[in-house]
Amino acid sequence: MTVVLEAEVLADPLEAFEALAAALSDSELGLEPHPAGRILDGEIVVWQPGRRLEAVIDESSSIAAVFEPHGDATRIVVELDAAAEAHER
């Protein structure tokens, strides 16, 4: 199953990236905000401030966030891929 969320924020891409990383590090996800950091039991595989953040959470789940300039704002697209079996419990 894939879930895609899109939002537009009034910030430049780097500010939006830093805000998302800070929110995730303060959440139950426990993001370690740096390249090769950890998130839950997984790890960050792409750390491109202002552009892209991607993590593999476990063998069947991953999350990616893409930051795109959009005028004076930034469009953020977050995609969560999770195996259907994990949700059938």
PDB file of N, CA and C in Angstrom:
ATOM      1  N   MET A   1       0.853  -1.165   0.000  1.00  0.00           N
ATOM      2  CA  MET A   1       0.000   0.000   0.000  1.00  0.00           C
ATOM      3  C   MET A   1       0.902   1.232   0.000  1.00  0.00           C
ATOM      4  N   THR A   2       0.539   2.209  -0.799  1.00  0.00           N
ATOM      5  CA  THR A   2       1.264   3.468  -0.855  1.00  0.00           C
ATOM      6  C   THR A   2       0.319   4.604  -0.492  1.00  0.00           C
ATOM      7  N   VAL A   3       0.789   5.461   0.388  1.00  0.00           N
ATOM      8  CA  VAL A   3       0.031   6.650   0.785  1.00  0.00           C
ATOM      9  C   VAL A   3       0.853   7.861   0.367  1.00  0.00           C
ATOM     10  N   VAL A   4       0.217   8.805  -0.332  1.00  0.00           N
ATOM     11  CA  VAL A   4       0.900  10.021  -0.770  1.00  0.00           C
ATOM     12  C   VAL A   4       0.180  11.216  -0.188  1.00  0.00           C
ATOM     13  N   LEU A   5       0.934  12.087   0.451  1.00  0.00           N
ATOM     14  CA  LEU A   5       0.413  13.332   1.010  1.00  0.00           C
ATOM     15  C   LEU A   5       1.145  14.493   0.365  1.00  0.00           C
ATOM     16  N   GLU A   6       0.405  15.534   0.024  1.00  0.00           N
ATOM     17  CA  GLU A   6       1.012  16.728  -0.567  1.00  0.00           C
ATOM     18  C   GLU A   6       0.593  17.944   0.232  1.00  0.00           C
ATOM     19  N   ALA A   7       1.532  18.875   0.389  1.00  0.00           N
ATOM     20  CA  ALA A   7       1.236  20.120   1.092  1.00  0.00           C
ATOM     21  C   ALA A   7       2.088  21.218   0.491  1.00  0.00           C
ATOM     22  N   GLU A   8       1.594  22.428   0.622  1.00  0.00           N
ATOM     23  CA  GLU A   8       2.360  23.597   0.204  1.00  0.00           C
ATOM     24  C   GLU A   8       2.552  24.468   1.435  1.00  0.00           C
ATOM     25  N   VAL A   9       3.794  24.864   1.688  1.00  0.00           N
ATOM     26  CA  VAL A   9       4.102  25.681   2.860  1.00  0.00           C
ATOM     27  C   VAL A   9       4.780  26.974   2.428  1.00  0.00           C
ATOM     28  N   LEU A  10       4.557  28.025   3.190  1.00  0.00           N
ATOM     29  CA  LEU A  10       5.167  29.317   2.888  1.00  0.00           C
ATOM     30  C   LEU A  10       6.561  29.388   3.506  1.00  0.00           C
ATOM     31  N   ALA A  11       7.477  28.698   2.871  1.00  0.00           N
ATOM     32  CA  ALA A  11       8.874  28.657   3.292  1.00  0.00           C
ATOM     33  C   ALA A  11       9.689  28.213   2.096  1.00  0.00           C
ATOM     34  N   ASP A  12      10.988  28.511   2.128  1.00  0.00           N
ATOM     35  CA  ASP A  12      11.813  28.008   1.043  1.00  0.00           C
ATOM     36  C   ASP A  12      12.101  26.523   1.304  1.00  0.00           C
ATOM     37  N   PRO A  13      12.561  25.779   0.298  1.00  0.00           N
ATOM     38  CA  PRO A  13      12.737  24.334   0.457  1.00  0.00           C
ATOM     39  C   PRO A  13      13.646  23.937   1.621  1.00  0.00           C
ATOM     40  N   LEU A  14      14.719  24.677   1.862  1.00  0.00           N
ATOM     41  CA  LEU A  14      15.615  24.325   2.965  1.00  0.00           C
ATOM     42  C   LEU A  14      14.920  24.514   4.309  1.00  0.00           C
ATOM     43  N   GLU A  15      14.189  25.615   4.467  1.00  0.00           N
ATOM     44  CA  GLU A  15      13.449  25.837   5.714  1.00  0.00           C
ATOM     45  C   GLU A  15      12.399  24.748   5.923  1.00  0.00           C
ATOM     46  N   ALA A  16      11.704  24.359   4.863  1.00  0.00           N
ATOM     47  CA  ALA A  16      10.683  23.314   4.956  1.00  0.00           C
ATOM     48  C   ALA A  16      11.320  21.975   5.335  1.00  0.00           C
ATOM     49  N   PHE A  17      12.448  21.660   4.727  1.00  0.00           N
ATOM     50  CA  PHE A  17      13.177  20.423   5.033  1.00  0.00           C
ATOM     51  C   PHE A  17      13.579  20.400   6.500  1.00  0.00           C
ATOM     52  N   GLU A  18      14.180  21.496   6.964  1.00  0.00           N
ATOM     53  CA  GLU A  18      14.634  21.567   8.354  1.00  0.00           C
ATOM     54  C   GLU A  18      13.467  21.469   9.337  1.00  0.00           C
ATOM     55  N   ALA A  19      12.333  22.084   8.991  1.00  0.00           N
ATOM     56  CA  ALA A  19      11.161  22.023   9.865  1.00  0.00           C
ATOM     57  C   ALA A  19      10.619  20.596   9.940  1.00  0.00           C
ATOM     58  N   LEU A  20      10.546  19.900   8.802  1.00  0.00           N
ATOM     59  CA  LEU A  20      10.062  18.520   8.812  1.00  0.00           C
ATOM     60  C   LEU A  20      11.023  17.623   9.587  1.00  0.00           C
ATOM     61  N   ALA A  21      12.317  17.779   9.361  1.00  0.00           N
ATOM     62  CA  ALA A  21      13.305  16.962  10.079  1.00  0.00           C
ATOM     63  C   ALA A  21      13.209  17.201  11.587  1.00  0.00           C
ATOM     64  N   ALA A  22      13.032  18.455  12.008  1.00  0.00           N
ATOM     65  CA  ALA A  22      12.903  18.764  13.432  1.00  0.00           C
ATOM     66  C   ALA A  22      11.633  18.146  14.012  1.00  0.00           C
ATOM     67  N   ALA A  23      10.532  18.236  13.272  1.00  0.00           N
ATOM     68  CA  ALA A  23       9.269  17.658  13.761  1.00  0.00           C
ATOM     69  C   ALA A  23       9.381  16.144  13.890  1.00  0.00           C
ATOM     70  N   LEU A  24      10.016  15.489  12.928  1.00  0.00           N
ATOM     71  CA  LEU A  24      10.172  14.036  12.988  1.00  0.00           C
ATOM     72  C   LEU A  24      11.131  13.615  14.097  1.00  0.00           C
ATOM     73  N   SER A  25      12.138  14.431  14.372  1.00  0.00           N
ATOM     74  CA  SER A  25      13.072  14.063  15.443  1.00  0.00           C
ATOM     75  C   SER A  25      12.421  14.214  16.812  1.00  0.00           C
ATOM     76  N   ASP A  26      11.435  15.102  16.934  1.00  0.00           N
ATOM     77  CA  ASP A  26      10.719  15.297  18.199  1.00  0.00           C
ATOM     78  C   ASP A  26       9.511  14.373  18.343  1.00  0.00           C
ATOM     79  N   SER A  27       9.238  13.553  17.331  1.00  0.00           N
ATOM     80  CA  SER A  27       8.054  12.692  17.340  1.00  0.00           C
ATOM     81  C   SER A  27       8.408  11.285  17.811  1.00  0.00           C
ATOM     82  N   GLU A  28       7.412  10.425  17.827  1.00  0.00           N
ATOM     83  CA  GLU A  28       7.614   9.021  18.180  1.00  0.00           C
ATOM     84  C   GLU A  28       8.493   8.299  17.167  1.00  0.00           C
ATOM     85  N   LEU A  29       8.643   8.879  15.972  1.00  0.00           N
ATOM     86  CA  LEU A  29       9.482   8.253  14.951  1.00  0.00           C
ATOM     87  C   LEU A  29      10.959   8.313  15.312  1.00  0.00           C
ATOM     88  N   GLY A  30      11.333   9.294  16.132  1.00  0.00           N
ATOM     89  CA  GLY A  30      12.702   9.375  16.616  1.00  0.00           C
ATOM     90  C   GLY A  30      13.750   9.557  15.539  1.00  0.00           C
ATOM     91  N   LEU A  31      13.475  10.415  14.566  1.00  0.00           N
ATOM     92  CA  LEU A  31      14.436  10.675  13.497  1.00  0.00           C
ATOM     93  C   LEU A  31      15.713  11.264  14.065  1.00  0.00           C
ATOM     94  N   GLU A  32      16.854  10.699  13.676  1.00  0.00           N
ATOM     95  CA  GLU A  32      18.155  11.298  13.965  1.00  0.00           C
ATOM     96  C   GLU A  32      18.490  12.155  12.749  1.00  0.00           C
ATOM     97  N   PRO A  33      18.392  13.485  12.885  1.00  0.00           N
ATOM     98  CA  PRO A  33      18.448  14.370  11.716  1.00  0.00           C
ATOM     99  C   PRO A  33      19.846  14.615  11.140  1.00  0.00           C
ATOM    100  N   HIS A  34      20.356  13.606  10.448  1.00  0.00           N
ATOM    101  CA  HIS A  34      21.637  13.737   9.753  1.00  0.00           C
ATOM    102  C   HIS A  34      21.786  12.576   8.779  1.00  0.00           C
ATOM    103  N   PRO A  35      22.690  12.695   7.802  1.00  0.00           N
ATOM    104  CA  PRO A  35      22.891  11.591   6.861  1.00  0.00           C
ATOM    105  C   PRO A  35      23.252  10.311   7.621  1.00  0.00           C
ATOM    106  N   ALA A  36      22.719   9.201   7.191  1.00  0.00           N
ATOM    107  CA  ALA A  36      22.932   7.889   7.808  1.00  0.00           C
ATOM    108  C   ALA A  36      22.360   7.815   9.219  1.00  0.00           C
ATOM    109  N   GLY A  37      21.451   8.737   9.556  1.00  0.00           N
ATOM    110  CA  GLY A  37      20.777   8.701  10.851  1.00  0.00           C
ATOM    111  C   GLY A  37      19.785   7.558  10.902  1.00  0.00           C
ATOM    112  N   ARG A  38      19.087   7.460  12.013  1.00  0.00           N
ATOM    113  CA  ARG A  38      18.123   6.393  12.209  1.00  0.00           C
ATOM    114  C   ARG A  38      16.718   6.976  12.281  1.00  0.00           C
ATOM    115  N   ILE A  39      15.713   6.157  11.976  1.00  0.00           N
ATOM    116  CA  ILE A  39      14.307   6.491  12.155  1.00  0.00           C
ATOM    117  C   ILE A  39      13.611   5.185  12.518  1.00  0.00           C
ATOM    118  N   LEU A  40      12.927   5.169  13.651  1.00  0.00           N
ATOM    119  CA  LEU A  40      12.377   3.924  14.192  1.00  0.00           C
ATOM    120  C   LEU A  40      13.495   2.901  14.204  1.00  0.00           C
ATOM    121  N   ASP A  41      13.272   1.745  13.592  1.00  0.00           N
ATOM    122  CA  ASP A  41      14.317   0.720  13.526  1.00  0.00           C
ATOM    123  C   ASP A  41      15.031   0.743  12.178  1.00  0.00           C
ATOM    124  N   GLY A  42      14.753   1.756  11.372  1.00  0.00           N
ATOM    125  CA  GLY A  42      15.332   1.839  10.036  1.00  0.00           C
ATOM    126  C   GLY A  42      16.447   2.852   9.966  1.00  0.00           C
ATOM    127  N   GLU A  43      16.784   3.236   8.729  1.00  0.00           N
ATOM    128  CA  GLU A  43      17.855   4.212   8.559  1.00  0.00           C
ATOM    129  C   GLU A  43      17.564   5.166   7.413  1.00  0.00           C
ATOM    130  N   ILE A  44      18.150   6.335   7.511  1.00  0.00           N
ATOM    131  CA  ILE A  44      18.035   7.341   6.458  1.00  0.00           C
ATOM    132  C   ILE A  44      18.965   6.931   5.320  1.00  0.00           C
ATOM    133  N   VAL A  45      18.422   6.878   4.113  1.00  0.00           N
ATOM    134  CA  VAL A  45      19.227   6.465   2.960  1.00  0.00           C
ATOM    135  C   VAL A  45      19.497   7.621   2.004  1.00  0.00           C
ATOM    136  N   VAL A  46      18.682   8.682   2.070  1.00  0.00           N
ATOM    137  CA  VAL A  46      18.917   9.880   1.266  1.00  0.00           C
ATOM    138  C   VAL A  46      18.704  11.087   2.172  1.00  0.00           C
ATOM    139  N   TRP A  47      19.714  11.951   2.248  1.00  0.00           N
ATOM    140  CA  TRP A  47      19.644  13.171   3.049  1.00  0.00           C
ATOM    141  C   TRP A  47      20.165  14.306   2.173  1.00  0.00           C
ATOM    142  N   GLN A  48      19.246  15.004   1.521  1.00  0.00           N
ATOM    143  CA  GLN A  48      19.598  16.114   0.640  1.00  0.00           C
ATOM    144  C   GLN A  48      18.819  17.338   1.120  1.00  0.00           C
ATOM    145  N   PRO A  49      19.367  18.089   2.078  1.00  0.00           N
ATOM    146  CA  PRO A  49      18.632  19.223   2.648  1.00  0.00           C
ATOM    147  C   PRO A  49      18.069  20.155   1.575  1.00  0.00           C
ATOM    148  N   GLY A  50      16.768  20.427   1.735  1.00  0.00           N
ATOM    149  CA  GLY A  50      16.074  21.286   0.795  1.00  0.00           C
ATOM    150  C   GLY A  50      15.585  20.584  -0.454  1.00  0.00           C
ATOM    151  N   ARG A  51      15.902  19.298  -0.599  1.00  0.00           N
ATOM    152  CA  ARG A  51      15.514  18.568  -1.805  1.00  0.00           C
ATOM    153  C   ARG A  51      14.778  17.264  -1.520  1.00  0.00           C
ATOM    154  N   ARG A  52      15.405  16.385  -0.715  1.00  0.00           N
ATOM    155  CA  ARG A  52      14.823  15.045  -0.541  1.00  0.00           C
ATOM    156  C   ARG A  52      15.304  14.418   0.772  1.00  0.00           C
ATOM    157  N   LEU A  53      14.379  13.707   1.410  1.00  0.00           N
ATOM    158  CA  LEU A  53      14.672  12.922   2.605  1.00  0.00           C
ATOM    159  C   LEU A  53      14.009  11.569   2.393  1.00  0.00           C
ATOM    160  N   GLU A  54      14.792  10.499   2.524  1.00  0.00           N
ATOM    161  CA  GLU A  54      14.239   9.160   2.309  1.00  0.00           C
ATOM    162  C   GLU A  54      14.792   8.216   3.358  1.00  0.00           C
ATOM    163  N   ALA A  55      13.914   7.357   3.886  1.00  0.00           N
ATOM    164  CA  ALA A  55      14.331   6.401   4.897  1.00  0.00           C
ATOM    165  C   ALA A  55      13.682   5.048   4.642  1.00  0.00           C
ATOM    166  N   VAL A  56      14.433   4.002   4.950  1.00  0.00           N
ATOM    167  CA  VAL A  56      13.911   2.646   4.938  1.00  0.00           C
ATOM    168  C   VAL A  56      13.596   2.333   6.397  1.00  0.00           C
ATOM    169  N   ILE A  57      12.328   2.044   6.670  1.00  0.00           N
ATOM    170  CA  ILE A  57      11.904   1.826   8.048  1.00  0.00           C
ATOM    171  C   ILE A  57      12.123   0.369   8.446  1.00  0.00           C
ATOM    172  N   ASP A  58      11.761  -0.550   7.587  1.00  0.00           N
ATOM    173  CA  ASP A  58      12.020  -1.969   7.801  1.00  0.00           C
ATOM    174  C   ASP A  58      12.048  -2.645   6.432  1.00  0.00           C
ATOM    175  N   GLU A  59      12.037  -3.959   6.408  1.00  0.00           N
ATOM    176  CA  GLU A  59      12.152  -4.683   5.139  1.00  0.00           C
ATOM    177  C   GLU A  59      11.042  -4.370   4.150  1.00  0.00           C
ATOM    178  N   SER A  60       9.889  -3.922   4.646  1.00  0.00           N
ATOM    179  CA  SER A  60       8.754  -3.718   3.746  1.00  0.00           C
ATOM    180  C   SER A  60       8.184  -2.304   3.775  1.00  0.00           C
ATOM    181  N   SER A  61       8.844  -1.376   4.456  1.00  0.00           N
ATOM    182  CA  SER A  61       8.304  -0.019   4.563  1.00  0.00           C
ATOM    183  C   SER A  61       9.382   1.031   4.337  1.00  0.00           C
ATOM    184  N   SER A  62       8.996   2.077   3.616  1.00  0.00           N
ATOM    185  CA  SER A  62       9.899   3.202   3.408  1.00  0.00           C
ATOM    186  C   SER A  62       9.084   4.485   3.355  1.00  0.00           C
ATOM    187  N   ILE A  63       9.774   5.590   3.556  1.00  0.00           N
ATOM    188  CA  ILE A  63       9.134   6.901   3.488  1.00  0.00           C
ATOM    189  C   ILE A  63      10.078   7.841   2.761  1.00  0.00           C
ATOM    190  N   ALA A  64       9.509   8.694   1.920  1.00  0.00           N
ATOM    191  CA  ALA A  64      10.292   9.675   1.185  1.00  0.00           C
ATOM    192  C   ALA A  64       9.553  11.002   1.189  1.00  0.00           C
ATOM    193  N   ALA A  65      10.297  12.077   1.297  1.00  0.00           N
ATOM    194  CA  ALA A  65       9.734  13.423   1.215  1.00  0.00           C
ATOM    195  C   ALA A  65      10.543  14.204   0.190  1.00  0.00           C
ATOM    196  N   VAL A  66       9.838  14.828  -0.756  1.00  0.00           N
ATOM    197  CA  VAL A  66      10.465  15.622  -1.808  1.00  0.00           C
ATOM    198  C   VAL A  66      10.011  17.073  -1.626  1.00  0.00           C
ATOM    199  N   PHE A  67      10.944  17.995  -1.735  1.00  0.00           N
ATOM    200  CA  PHE A  67      10.686  19.422  -1.531  1.00  0.00           C
ATOM    201  C   PHE A  67      10.932  20.147  -2.850  1.00  0.00           C
ATOM    202  N   GLU A  68       9.879  20.787  -3.382  1.00  0.00           N
ATOM    203  CA  GLU A  68       9.967  21.446  -4.684  1.00  0.00           C
ATOM    204  C   GLU A  68       9.609  22.917  -4.536  1.00  0.00           C
ATOM    205  N   PRO A  69      10.471  23.822  -5.020  1.00  0.00           N
ATOM    206  CA  PRO A  69      10.111  25.246  -4.989  1.00  0.00           C
ATOM    207  C   PRO A  69       8.844  25.475  -5.807  1.00  0.00           C
ATOM    208  N   HIS A  70       7.968  26.318  -5.297  1.00  0.00           N
ATOM    209  CA  HIS A  70       6.712  26.625  -5.988  1.00  0.00           C
ATOM    210  C   HIS A  70       6.399  28.094  -5.727  1.00  0.00           C
ATOM    211  N   GLY A  71       6.945  28.982  -6.562  1.00  0.00           N
ATOM    212  CA  GLY A  71       6.791  30.422  -6.325  1.00  0.00           C
ATOM    213  C   GLY A  71       7.491  30.809  -5.037  1.00  0.00           C
ATOM    214  N   ASP A  72       6.776  31.475  -4.133  1.00  0.00           N
ATOM    215  CA  ASP A  72       7.340  31.872  -2.836  1.00  0.00           C
ATOM    216  C   ASP A  72       7.175  30.773  -1.791  1.00  0.00           C
ATOM    217  N   ALA A  73       6.695  29.625  -2.201  1.00  0.00           N
ATOM    218  CA  ALA A  73       6.408  28.543  -1.267  1.00  0.00           C
ATOM    219  C   ALA A  73       7.193  27.289  -1.666  1.00  0.00           C
ATOM    220  N   THR A  74       6.939  26.217  -0.935  1.00  0.00           N
ATOM    221  CA  THR A  74       7.531  24.920  -1.237  1.00  0.00           C
ATOM    222  C   THR A  74       6.432  23.873  -1.238  1.00  0.00           C
ATOM    223  N   ARG A  75       6.423  23.066  -2.258  1.00  0.00           N
ATOM    224  CA  ARG A  75       5.497  21.939  -2.335  1.00  0.00           C
ATOM    225  C   ARG A  75       6.231  20.734  -1.764  1.00  0.00           C
ATOM    226  N   ILE A  76       5.604  20.073  -0.786  1.00  0.00           N
ATOM    227  CA  ILE A  76       6.192  18.889  -0.162  1.00  0.00           C
ATOM    228  C   ILE A  76       5.316  17.688  -0.526  1.00  0.00           C
ATOM    229  N   VAL A  77       5.951  16.663  -1.041  1.00  0.00           N
ATOM    230  CA  VAL A  77       5.252  15.415  -1.353  1.00  0.00           C
ATOM    231  C   VAL A  77       5.885  14.331  -0.482  1.00  0.00           C
ATOM    232  N   VAL A  78       5.058  13.723   0.371  1.00  0.00           N
ATOM    233  CA  VAL A  78       5.516  12.643   1.247  1.00  0.00           C
ATOM    234  C   VAL A  78       4.860  11.355   0.772  1.00  0.00           C
ATOM    235  N   GLU A  79       5.674  10.331   0.560  1.00  0.00           N
ATOM    236  CA  GLU A  79       5.171   9.037   0.093  1.00  0.00           C
ATOM    237  C   GLU A  79       5.598   7.951   1.072  1.00  0.00           C
ATOM    238  N   LEU A  80       4.625   7.229   1.585  1.00  0.00           N
ATOM    239  CA  LEU A  80       4.877   6.109   2.489  1.00  0.00           C
ATOM    240  C   LEU A  80       4.517   4.822   1.763  1.00  0.00           C
ATOM    241  N   ASP A  81       5.480   3.938   1.638  1.00  0.00           N
ATOM    242  CA  ASP A  81       5.244   2.626   1.044  1.00  0.00           C
ATOM    243  C   ASP A  81       5.318   1.599   2.161  1.00  0.00           C
ATOM    244  N   ALA A  82       4.258   0.828   2.305  1.00  0.00           N
ATOM    245  CA  ALA A  82       4.216  -0.207   3.337  1.00  0.00           C
ATOM    246  C   ALA A  82       3.568  -1.447   2.759  1.00  0.00           C
ATOM    247  N   ALA A  83       4.087  -2.596   3.139  1.00  0.00           N
ATOM    248  CA  ALA A  83       3.526  -3.849   2.648  1.00  0.00           C
ATOM    249  C   ALA A  83       2.119  -4.036   3.202  1.00  0.00           C
ATOM    250  N   ALA A  84       1.235  -4.538   2.376  1.00  0.00           N
ATOM    251  CA  ALA A  84      -0.156  -4.756   2.781  1.00  0.00           C
ATOM    252  C   ALA A  84      -0.253  -5.733   3.947  1.00  0.00           C
ATOM    253  N   GLU A  85       0.617  -6.752   3.991  1.00  0.00           N
ATOM    254  CA  GLU A  85       0.540  -7.746   5.057  1.00  0.00           C
ATOM    255  C   GLU A  85       0.715  -7.103   6.425  1.00  0.00           C
ATOM    256  N   ALA A  86       1.517  -6.056   6.514  1.00  0.00           N
ATOM    257  CA  ALA A  86       1.761  -5.404   7.802  1.00  0.00           C
ATOM    258  C   ALA A  86       0.495  -4.752   8.338  1.00  0.00           C
ATOM    259  N   HIS A  87      -0.459  -4.438   7.483  1.00  0.00           N
ATOM    260  CA  HIS A  87      -1.689  -3.761   7.895  1.00  0.00           C
ATOM    261  C   HIS A  87      -2.864  -4.704   8.066  1.00  0.00           C
ATOM    262  N   GLU A  88      -2.669  -5.988   7.775  1.00  0.00           N
ATOM    263  CA  GLU A  88      -3.758  -6.946   7.841  1.00  0.00           C
ATOM    264  C   GLU A  88      -3.884  -7.620   9.195  1.00  0.00           C
ATOM    265  N   ARG A  89      -3.074  -7.226  10.154  1.00  0.00           N
ATOM    266  CA  ARG A  89      -3.092  -7.856  11.477  1.00  0.00           C
ATOM    267  C   ARG A  89      -4.312  -7.484  12.246  1.00  0.00           C
TER     268      ARG A  89
END
